[in-house]
Amino acid sequence: MSDSQGTDKKFNAGVALYIASALAFLSELIGEITGYYLFSASWLVHEIIALATFFGFMIGGFLIWRSYQFSQKSREEIERLLRSAQGEFFEMLNVQFDRWQLSDAEKDVALLTVKGMTVSEIAELRNTSPGTIKSQNNSIYRKADVKSRTQLLGKLIDRLLVEHPL
């Protein structure tokens, strides 16, 4: 059984205990208020039910808290791995950009192009004219031996997958 399945079981058990405790508490509370209990028993049985309810709340809360803690640790680990993968991806992009001998400005434009930004968005972000960005894109396409943004992206993905297979 994986840690995730164990956590799910702990969470479900905690919720079940919490619900059972809440129902037992509600039953006893209604009995105290109205004088009508679900079953007639001695005061000792009702006190034991109250204690069991208390421990049910405590154990249920603890199980829910533990599963939450595990979920938080898992999320943090996934975020760390994602940041690492993003760093590796951008490093591989820069290596490919260097192979194509792109200038620093062309690298910036190529990255923004690959991210899906339009020519006008890149021009606004880089505080330059759309004509300059079009010219830089044409230079990038020529150096990468492609004819369009789609081909550039395809070639980058192909290079990254071929050179860094899973």
N, C-alpha and C. Protein backbone atom coordinates (compact mmCIF):
# COMPACT_ATOMS: atom_id res chain seq x y z
N MET A 1 0.84 -1.18 0.00
CA MET A 1 0.00 0.00 0.00
C MET A 1 0.89 1.24 0.00
N SER A 2 0.57 2.22 -0.88
CA SER A 2 1.38 3.43 -0.96
C SER A 2 1.06 4.35 0.22
N ASP A 3 1.96 5.34 0.42
CA ASP A 3 1.74 6.31 1.50
C ASP A 3 0.45 7.08 1.28
N SER A 4 0.15 7.38 0.01
CA SER A 4 -1.06 8.12 -0.31
C SER A 4 -2.31 7.34 0.08
N GLN A 5 -2.31 6.03 -0.20
CA GLN A 5 -3.46 5.22 0.17
C GLN A 5 -3.60 5.14 1.69
N GLY A 6 -2.48 5.02 2.39
CA GLY A 6 -2.51 5.00 3.84
C GLY A 6 -3.05 6.30 4.40
N THR A 7 -2.65 7.40 3.79
CA THR A 7 -3.13 8.71 4.22
C THR A 7 -4.63 8.83 3.96
N ASP A 8 -5.06 8.35 2.79
CA ASP A 8 -6.49 8.39 2.48
C ASP A 8 -7.28 7.58 3.50
N LYS A 9 -6.76 6.42 3.87
CA LYS A 9 -7.45 5.57 4.85
C LYS A 9 -7.49 6.25 6.22
N LYS A 10 -6.39 6.90 6.61
CA LYS A 10 -6.36 7.61 7.89
C LYS A 10 -7.37 8.76 7.88
N PHE A 11 -7.40 9.48 6.76
CA PHE A 11 -8.33 10.60 6.65
C PHE A 11 -9.77 10.09 6.72
N ASN A 12 -10.08 9.05 5.96
CA ASN A 12 -11.44 8.50 5.95
C ASN A 12 -11.82 7.96 7.33
N ALA A 13 -10.87 7.29 7.99
CA ALA A 13 -11.14 6.78 9.34
C ALA A 13 -11.37 7.94 10.31
N GLY A 14 -10.58 8.99 10.17
CA GLY A 14 -10.74 10.16 11.03
C GLY A 14 -12.10 10.81 10.84
N VAL A 15 -12.51 10.95 9.59
CA VAL A 15 -13.82 11.56 9.30
C VAL A 15 -14.94 10.66 9.84
N ALA A 16 -14.81 9.34 9.62
CA ALA A 16 -15.83 8.40 10.12
C ALA A 16 -15.94 8.48 11.64
N LEU A 17 -14.79 8.52 12.32
CA LEU A 17 -14.80 8.63 13.78
C LEU A 17 -15.44 9.95 14.22
N TYR A 18 -15.12 11.01 13.52
CA TYR A 18 -15.68 12.32 13.84
C TYR A 18 -17.20 12.31 13.68
N ILE A 19 -17.69 11.73 12.59
CA ILE A 19 -19.13 11.68 12.35
C ILE A 19 -19.82 10.81 13.40
N ALA A 20 -19.24 9.64 13.69
CA ALA A 20 -19.82 8.75 14.69
C ALA A 20 -19.87 9.45 16.05
N SER A 21 -18.80 10.15 16.38
CA SER A 21 -18.75 10.87 17.66
C SER A 21 -19.78 11.99 17.69
N ALA A 22 -19.92 12.69 16.58
CA ALA A 22 -20.90 13.78 16.51
C ALA A 22 -22.32 13.23 16.67
N LEU A 23 -22.61 12.10 16.03
CA LEU A 23 -23.94 11.50 16.17
C LEU A 23 -24.19 11.03 17.60
N ALA A 24 -23.20 10.40 18.21
CA ALA A 24 -23.35 9.94 19.60
C ALA A 24 -23.55 11.14 20.52
N PHE A 25 -22.77 12.21 20.29
CA PHE A 25 -22.90 13.42 21.11
C PHE A 25 -24.28 14.03 20.95
N LEU A 26 -24.75 14.12 19.69
CA LEU A 26 -26.06 14.70 19.41
C LEU A 26 -27.16 13.87 20.07
N SER A 27 -27.04 12.55 19.98
CA SER A 27 -28.03 11.65 20.59
C SER A 27 -28.09 11.88 22.10
N GLU A 28 -26.93 11.94 22.73
CA GLU A 28 -26.88 12.16 24.17
C GLU A 28 -27.40 13.56 24.53
N LEU A 29 -27.07 14.55 23.72
CA LEU A 29 -27.51 15.92 23.98
C LEU A 29 -29.04 16.01 23.90
N ILE A 30 -29.61 15.42 22.86
CA ILE A 30 -31.07 15.43 22.73
C ILE A 30 -31.71 14.71 23.92
N GLY A 31 -31.10 13.60 24.34
CA GLY A 31 -31.60 12.88 25.51
C GLY A 31 -31.56 13.74 26.76
N GLU A 32 -30.48 14.47 26.94
CA GLU A 32 -30.35 15.34 28.12
C GLU A 32 -31.39 16.46 28.09
N ILE A 33 -31.63 17.00 26.92
CA ILE A 33 -32.56 18.14 26.81
C ILE A 33 -34.02 17.67 26.92
N THR A 34 -34.36 16.61 26.21
CA THR A 34 -35.77 16.19 26.15
C THR A 34 -36.12 15.10 27.15
N GLY A 35 -35.15 14.38 27.62
CA GLY A 35 -35.41 13.26 28.51
C GLY A 35 -35.69 11.97 27.76
N TYR A 36 -35.69 12.04 26.42
CA TYR A 36 -35.92 10.85 25.60
C TYR A 36 -34.59 10.38 25.01
N TYR A 37 -34.15 9.23 25.46
CA TYR A 37 -32.89 8.66 24.97
C TYR A 37 -33.20 7.57 23.94
N LEU A 38 -32.25 7.31 23.05
CA LEU A 38 -32.42 6.26 22.05
C LEU A 38 -32.58 4.89 22.72
N PHE A 39 -31.91 4.72 23.82
CA PHE A 39 -32.04 3.48 24.59
C PHE A 39 -31.91 3.85 26.06
N SER A 40 -32.61 3.10 26.87
CA SER A 40 -32.53 3.40 28.30
C SER A 40 -31.40 2.59 28.92
N ALA A 41 -30.57 3.28 29.65
CA ALA A 41 -29.42 2.64 30.29
C ALA A 41 -29.10 3.43 31.55
N SER A 42 -28.22 2.90 32.33
CA SER A 42 -27.84 3.56 33.57
C SER A 42 -27.00 4.79 33.26
N TRP A 43 -26.85 5.63 34.26
CA TRP A 43 -26.05 6.84 34.09
C TRP A 43 -24.61 6.48 33.74
N LEU A 44 -24.10 5.33 34.20
CA LEU A 44 -22.74 4.89 33.93
C LEU A 44 -22.55 4.65 32.42
N VAL A 45 -23.54 4.03 31.80
CA VAL A 45 -23.46 3.79 30.34
C VAL A 45 -23.42 5.12 29.60
N HIS A 46 -24.24 6.06 30.02
CA HIS A 46 -24.26 7.37 29.36
C HIS A 46 -22.93 8.12 29.57
N GLU A 47 -22.33 7.97 30.72
CA GLU A 47 -21.02 8.58 30.98
C GLU A 47 -19.94 7.93 30.11
N ILE A 48 -20.04 6.62 29.95
CA ILE A 48 -19.07 5.91 29.09
C ILE A 48 -19.24 6.36 27.63
N ILE A 49 -20.49 6.54 27.22
CA ILE A 49 -20.74 7.05 25.86
C ILE A 49 -20.14 8.45 25.71
N ALA A 50 -20.29 9.28 26.71
CA ALA A 50 -19.71 10.63 26.66
C ALA A 50 -18.19 10.57 26.55
N LEU A 51 -17.56 9.69 27.32
CA LEU A 51 -16.10 9.54 27.24
C LEU A 51 -15.67 8.99 25.88
N ALA A 52 -16.42 8.00 25.38
CA ALA A 52 -16.10 7.43 24.07
C ALA A 52 -16.24 8.50 22.98
N THR A 53 -17.26 9.34 23.12
CA THR A 53 -17.45 10.44 22.17
C THR A 53 -16.27 11.40 22.21
N PHE A 54 -15.86 11.75 23.41
CA PHE A 54 -14.71 12.64 23.57
C PHE A 54 -13.46 12.04 22.90
N PHE A 55 -13.17 10.77 23.20
CA PHE A 55 -11.99 10.13 22.60
C PHE A 55 -12.15 9.97 21.10
N GLY A 56 -13.38 9.76 20.64
CA GLY A 56 -13.63 9.67 19.19
C GLY A 56 -13.30 10.99 18.50
N PHE A 57 -13.72 12.10 19.11
CA PHE A 57 -13.37 13.41 18.56
C PHE A 57 -11.85 13.61 18.55
N MET A 58 -11.20 13.26 19.64
CA MET A 58 -9.75 13.45 19.74
C MET A 58 -9.00 12.59 18.71
N ILE A 59 -9.33 11.32 18.64
CA ILE A 59 -8.63 10.42 17.71
C ILE A 59 -8.96 10.79 16.27
N GLY A 60 -10.24 11.07 15.99
CA GLY A 60 -10.63 11.49 14.64
C GLY A 60 -9.90 12.75 14.22
N GLY A 61 -9.85 13.73 15.11
CA GLY A 61 -9.13 14.98 14.81
C GLY A 61 -7.66 14.73 14.57
N PHE A 62 -7.06 13.85 15.38
CA PHE A 62 -5.64 13.54 15.21
C PHE A 62 -5.39 12.88 13.85
N LEU A 63 -6.24 11.93 13.47
CA LEU A 63 -6.06 11.26 12.17
C LEU A 63 -6.21 12.23 11.00
N ILE A 64 -7.18 13.13 11.10
CA ILE A 64 -7.37 14.14 10.05
C ILE A 64 -6.16 15.06 10.01
N TRP A 65 -5.67 15.49 11.16
CA TRP A 65 -4.50 16.37 11.22
C TRP A 65 -3.28 15.69 10.61
N ARG A 66 -3.06 14.40 10.94
CA ARG A 66 -1.90 13.67 10.40
C ARG A 66 -1.99 13.54 8.88
N SER A 67 -3.16 13.25 8.36
CA SER A 67 -3.31 13.13 6.91
C SER A 67 -3.09 14.49 6.24
N TYR A 68 -3.51 15.56 6.90
CA TYR A 68 -3.26 16.90 6.38
C TYR A 68 -1.76 17.19 6.35
N GLN A 69 -1.07 16.84 7.43
CA GLN A 69 0.38 17.05 7.48
C GLN A 69 1.08 16.31 6.34
N PHE A 70 0.68 15.05 6.11
CA PHE A 70 1.28 14.26 5.05
C PHE A 70 0.99 14.89 3.69
N SER A 71 -0.23 15.36 3.51
CA SER A 71 -0.61 16.01 2.24
C SER A 71 0.24 17.26 2.01
N GLN A 72 0.47 18.02 3.05
CA GLN A 72 1.30 19.22 2.93
C GLN A 72 2.73 18.86 2.53
N LYS A 73 3.30 17.83 3.17
CA LYS A 73 4.66 17.41 2.83
C LYS A 73 4.73 16.92 1.39
N SER A 74 3.72 16.18 0.97
CA SER A 74 3.69 15.68 -0.41
C SER A 74 3.61 16.84 -1.39
N ARG A 75 2.76 17.81 -1.10
CA ARG A 75 2.62 18.98 -1.97
C ARG A 75 3.93 19.75 -2.06
N GLU A 76 4.60 19.94 -0.93
CA GLU A 76 5.88 20.65 -0.93
C GLU A 76 6.92 19.90 -1.75
N GLU A 77 6.95 18.58 -1.65
CA GLU A 77 7.91 17.78 -2.42
C GLU A 77 7.61 17.87 -3.92
N ILE A 78 6.34 17.84 -4.27
CA ILE A 78 5.96 17.96 -5.68
C ILE A 78 6.35 19.34 -6.21
N GLU A 79 6.12 20.38 -5.43
CA GLU A 79 6.50 21.73 -5.85
C GLU A 79 8.01 21.85 -6.01
N ARG A 80 8.77 21.24 -5.10
CA ARG A 80 10.23 21.27 -5.20
C ARG A 80 10.69 20.57 -6.48
N LEU A 81 10.12 19.41 -6.75
CA LEU A 81 10.48 18.67 -7.97
C LEU A 81 10.09 19.44 -9.22
N LEU A 82 8.94 20.10 -9.19
CA LEU A 82 8.52 20.89 -10.34
C LEU A 82 9.47 22.06 -10.58
N ARG A 83 9.87 22.75 -9.52
CA ARG A 83 10.83 23.85 -9.68
C ARG A 83 12.15 23.33 -10.26
N SER A 84 12.58 22.17 -9.78
CA SER A 84 13.81 21.57 -10.29
C SER A 84 13.67 21.23 -11.77
N ALA A 85 12.54 20.65 -12.14
CA ALA A 85 12.31 20.28 -13.54
C ALA A 85 12.24 21.53 -14.41
N GLN A 86 11.61 22.59 -13.92
CA GLN A 86 11.54 23.83 -14.68
C GLN A 86 12.95 24.39 -14.91
N GLY A 87 13.77 24.35 -13.87
CA GLY A 87 15.14 24.83 -14.00
C GLY A 87 15.91 24.03 -15.04
N GLU A 88 15.75 22.72 -15.01
CA GLU A 88 16.42 21.85 -15.99
C GLU A 88 15.92 22.15 -17.39
N PHE A 89 14.61 22.34 -17.53
CA PHE A 89 14.03 22.62 -18.85
C PHE A 89 14.61 23.91 -19.42
N PHE A 90 14.65 24.96 -18.61
CA PHE A 90 15.18 26.24 -19.10
C PHE A 90 16.68 26.15 -19.37
N GLU A 91 17.38 25.34 -18.61
CA GLU A 91 18.81 25.13 -18.87
C GLU A 91 18.99 24.44 -20.22
N MET A 92 18.16 23.43 -20.50
CA MET A 92 18.24 22.73 -21.79
C MET A 92 17.88 23.67 -22.93
N LEU A 93 16.89 24.55 -22.72
CA LEU A 93 16.55 25.54 -23.74
C LEU A 93 17.75 26.44 -24.04
N ASN A 94 18.40 26.91 -22.98
CA ASN A 94 19.56 27.79 -23.16
C ASN A 94 20.70 27.09 -23.89
N VAL A 95 20.90 25.81 -23.61
CA VAL A 95 21.93 25.06 -24.32
C VAL A 95 21.61 25.02 -25.81
N GLN A 96 20.33 24.75 -26.13
CA GLN A 96 19.92 24.71 -27.54
C GLN A 96 20.04 26.09 -28.18
N PHE A 97 19.66 27.12 -27.46
CA PHE A 97 19.78 28.49 -27.99
C PHE A 97 21.25 28.82 -28.27
N ASP A 98 22.16 28.36 -27.39
CA ASP A 98 23.59 28.57 -27.61
C ASP A 98 24.06 27.83 -28.86
N ARG A 99 23.56 26.60 -29.07
CA ARG A 99 23.93 25.84 -30.26
C ARG A 99 23.51 26.56 -31.54
N TRP A 100 22.37 27.23 -31.47
CA TRP A 100 21.91 27.97 -32.64
C TRP A 100 22.58 29.34 -32.74
N GLN A 101 23.42 29.66 -31.76
CA GLN A 101 24.16 30.91 -31.70
C GLN A 101 23.24 32.13 -31.70
N LEU A 102 22.22 32.07 -30.86
CA LEU A 102 21.31 33.20 -30.72
C LEU A 102 21.95 34.26 -29.83
N SER A 103 21.70 35.51 -30.16
CA SER A 103 22.16 36.60 -29.30
C SER A 103 21.31 36.60 -28.03
N ASP A 104 21.72 37.39 -27.03
CA ASP A 104 20.95 37.45 -25.79
C ASP A 104 19.52 37.95 -26.05
N ALA A 105 19.40 38.97 -26.90
CA ALA A 105 18.07 39.48 -27.23
C ALA A 105 17.24 38.42 -27.95
N GLU A 106 17.87 37.69 -28.87
CA GLU A 106 17.16 36.63 -29.59
C GLU A 106 16.75 35.51 -28.64
N LYS A 107 17.58 35.20 -27.65
CA LYS A 107 17.21 34.18 -26.65
C LYS A 107 15.97 34.61 -25.90
N ASP A 108 15.92 35.88 -25.48
CA ASP A 108 14.75 36.38 -24.76
C ASP A 108 13.50 36.30 -25.63
N VAL A 109 13.63 36.73 -26.87
CA VAL A 109 12.48 36.71 -27.79
C VAL A 109 12.07 35.27 -28.08
N ALA A 110 13.04 34.39 -28.28
CA ALA A 110 12.73 32.98 -28.54
C ALA A 110 11.99 32.37 -27.36
N LEU A 111 12.44 32.65 -26.16
CA LEU A 111 11.79 32.11 -24.97
C LEU A 111 10.35 32.61 -24.86
N LEU A 112 10.17 33.90 -25.06
CA LEU A 112 8.82 34.47 -24.99
C LEU A 112 7.94 33.94 -26.12
N THR A 113 8.53 33.71 -27.28
CA THR A 113 7.80 33.13 -28.40
C THR A 113 7.36 31.71 -28.08
N VAL A 114 8.28 30.94 -27.52
CA VAL A 114 7.97 29.55 -27.15
C VAL A 114 6.90 29.52 -26.07
N LYS A 115 6.89 30.50 -25.20
CA LYS A 115 5.87 30.57 -24.15
C LYS A 115 4.50 30.91 -24.71
N GLY A 116 4.45 31.31 -25.99
CA GLY A 116 3.16 31.56 -26.64
C GLY A 116 2.75 33.01 -26.71
N MET A 117 3.65 33.92 -26.38
CA MET A 117 3.30 35.34 -26.44
C MET A 117 3.26 35.81 -27.90
N THR A 118 2.40 36.78 -28.17
CA THR A 118 2.30 37.33 -29.51
C THR A 118 3.43 38.34 -29.73
N VAL A 119 3.62 38.70 -31.01
CA VAL A 119 4.66 39.68 -31.36
C VAL A 119 4.42 40.99 -30.62
N SER A 120 3.15 41.45 -30.61
CA SER A 120 2.87 42.73 -29.94
C SER A 120 3.08 42.63 -28.43
N GLU A 121 2.75 41.50 -27.82
CA GLU A 121 2.99 41.32 -26.38
C GLU A 121 4.48 41.33 -26.07
N ILE A 122 5.27 40.65 -26.91
CA ILE A 122 6.72 40.63 -26.70
C ILE A 122 7.30 42.03 -26.88
N ALA A 123 6.82 42.74 -27.91
CA ALA A 123 7.30 44.11 -28.17
C ALA A 123 7.01 45.01 -26.98
N GLU A 124 5.80 44.90 -26.44
CA GLU A 124 5.43 45.73 -25.29
C GLU A 124 6.28 45.37 -24.07
N LEU A 125 6.47 44.07 -23.83
CA LEU A 125 7.26 43.63 -22.69
C LEU A 125 8.71 44.07 -22.81
N ARG A 126 9.26 43.99 -24.02
CA ARG A 126 10.67 44.36 -24.23
C ARG A 126 10.85 45.84 -24.56
N ASN A 127 9.74 46.58 -24.57
CA ASN A 127 9.78 48.01 -24.81
C ASN A 127 10.44 48.34 -26.15
N THR A 128 9.96 47.65 -27.18
CA THR A 128 10.48 47.85 -28.53
C THR A 128 9.33 47.76 -29.52
N SER A 129 9.61 47.89 -30.81
CA SER A 129 8.55 47.86 -31.81
C SER A 129 8.26 46.43 -32.27
N PRO A 130 7.02 46.19 -32.73
CA PRO A 130 6.69 44.87 -33.27
C PRO A 130 7.58 44.49 -34.46
N GLY A 131 7.99 45.49 -35.23
CA GLY A 131 8.87 45.23 -36.37
C GLY A 131 10.21 44.64 -35.92
N THR A 132 10.73 45.15 -34.81
CA THR A 132 12.00 44.62 -34.28
C THR A 132 11.83 43.17 -33.85
N ILE A 133 10.72 42.88 -33.20
CA ILE A 133 10.46 41.51 -32.75
C ILE A 133 10.30 40.58 -33.95
N LYS A 134 9.59 41.04 -34.99
CA LYS A 134 9.43 40.22 -36.21
C LYS A 134 10.79 39.94 -36.83
N SER A 135 11.64 40.95 -36.86
CA SER A 135 12.98 40.78 -37.42
C SER A 135 13.79 39.78 -36.59
N GLN A 136 13.71 39.90 -35.27
CA GLN A 136 14.42 38.97 -34.39
C GLN A 136 13.87 37.55 -34.54
N ASN A 137 12.55 37.43 -34.67
CA ASN A 137 11.95 36.12 -34.88
C ASN A 137 12.44 35.51 -36.19
N ASN A 138 12.51 36.31 -37.25
CA ASN A 138 13.00 35.80 -38.53
C ASN A 138 14.44 35.31 -38.40
N SER A 139 15.25 36.05 -37.67
CA SER A 139 16.64 35.63 -37.44
C SER A 139 16.69 34.32 -36.64
N ILE A 140 15.85 34.21 -35.63
CA ILE A 140 15.78 32.98 -34.82
C ILE A 140 15.37 31.81 -35.69
N TYR A 141 14.31 32.01 -36.50
CA TYR A 141 13.83 30.93 -37.37
C TYR A 141 14.92 30.49 -38.35
N ARG A 142 15.65 31.48 -38.90
CA ARG A 142 16.72 31.15 -39.84
C ARG A 142 17.82 30.34 -39.16
N LYS A 143 18.25 30.77 -37.97
CA LYS A 143 19.31 30.07 -37.24
C LYS A 143 18.87 28.68 -36.78
N ALA A 144 17.59 28.53 -36.48
CA ALA A 144 17.06 27.24 -36.02
C ALA A 144 16.64 26.37 -37.20
N ASP A 145 16.68 26.94 -38.41
CA ASP A 145 16.29 26.24 -39.64
C ASP A 145 14.83 25.80 -39.58
N VAL A 146 13.97 26.76 -39.21
CA VAL A 146 12.52 26.53 -39.20
C VAL A 146 11.85 27.71 -39.88
N LYS A 147 10.54 27.58 -40.13
CA LYS A 147 9.82 28.64 -40.84
C LYS A 147 8.74 29.32 -40.00
N SER A 148 8.43 28.76 -38.80
CA SER A 148 7.35 29.34 -38.01
C SER A 148 7.56 29.05 -36.52
N ARG A 149 6.73 29.71 -35.74
CA ARG A 149 6.71 29.52 -34.29
C ARG A 149 6.41 28.06 -33.96
N THR A 150 5.45 27.48 -34.67
CA THR A 150 5.07 26.09 -34.42
C THR A 150 6.23 25.15 -34.70
N GLN A 151 6.93 25.38 -35.81
CA GLN A 151 8.09 24.54 -36.13
C GLN A 151 9.21 24.73 -35.11
N LEU A 152 9.39 25.96 -34.65
CA LEU A 152 10.42 26.23 -33.63
C LEU A 152 10.11 25.44 -32.36
N LEU A 153 8.88 25.52 -31.92
CA LEU A 153 8.48 24.79 -30.72
C LEU A 153 8.64 23.29 -30.93
N GLY A 154 8.21 22.80 -32.08
CA GLY A 154 8.34 21.38 -32.39
C GLY A 154 9.79 20.93 -32.40
N LYS A 155 10.66 21.75 -33.00
CA LYS A 155 12.07 21.41 -33.06
C LYS A 155 12.71 21.40 -31.67
N LEU A 156 12.34 22.37 -30.85
CA LEU A 156 12.86 22.40 -29.47
C LEU A 156 12.42 21.17 -28.70
N ILE A 157 11.15 20.84 -28.78
CA ILE A 157 10.65 19.65 -28.08
C ILE A 157 11.34 18.41 -28.59
N ASP A 158 11.48 18.31 -29.90
CA ASP A 158 12.15 17.15 -30.50
C ASP A 158 13.58 17.04 -30.01
N ARG A 159 14.30 18.15 -30.02
CA ARG A 159 15.71 18.13 -29.55
C ARG A 159 15.80 17.75 -28.07
N LEU A 160 14.91 18.32 -27.28
CA LEU A 160 14.97 18.05 -25.84
C LEU A 160 14.62 16.60 -25.54
N LEU A 161 13.66 16.04 -26.26
CA LEU A 161 13.27 14.66 -26.02
C LEU A 161 14.30 13.67 -26.57
N VAL A 162 14.87 13.98 -27.72
CA VAL A 162 15.86 13.07 -28.32
C VAL A 162 17.15 13.09 -27.52
N GLU A 163 17.59 14.27 -27.14
CA GLU A 163 18.86 14.40 -26.44
C GLU A 163 18.75 14.06 -24.95
N HIS A 164 17.55 14.12 -24.41
CA HIS A 164 17.35 13.82 -22.99
C HIS A 164 16.17 12.88 -22.87
N PRO A 165 16.34 11.63 -23.33
CA PRO A 165 15.21 10.70 -23.30
C PRO A 165 14.80 10.37 -21.87
N LEU A 166 13.53 10.00 -21.76
CA LEU A 166 13.01 9.61 -20.46
C LEU A 166 13.68 8.34 -20.02
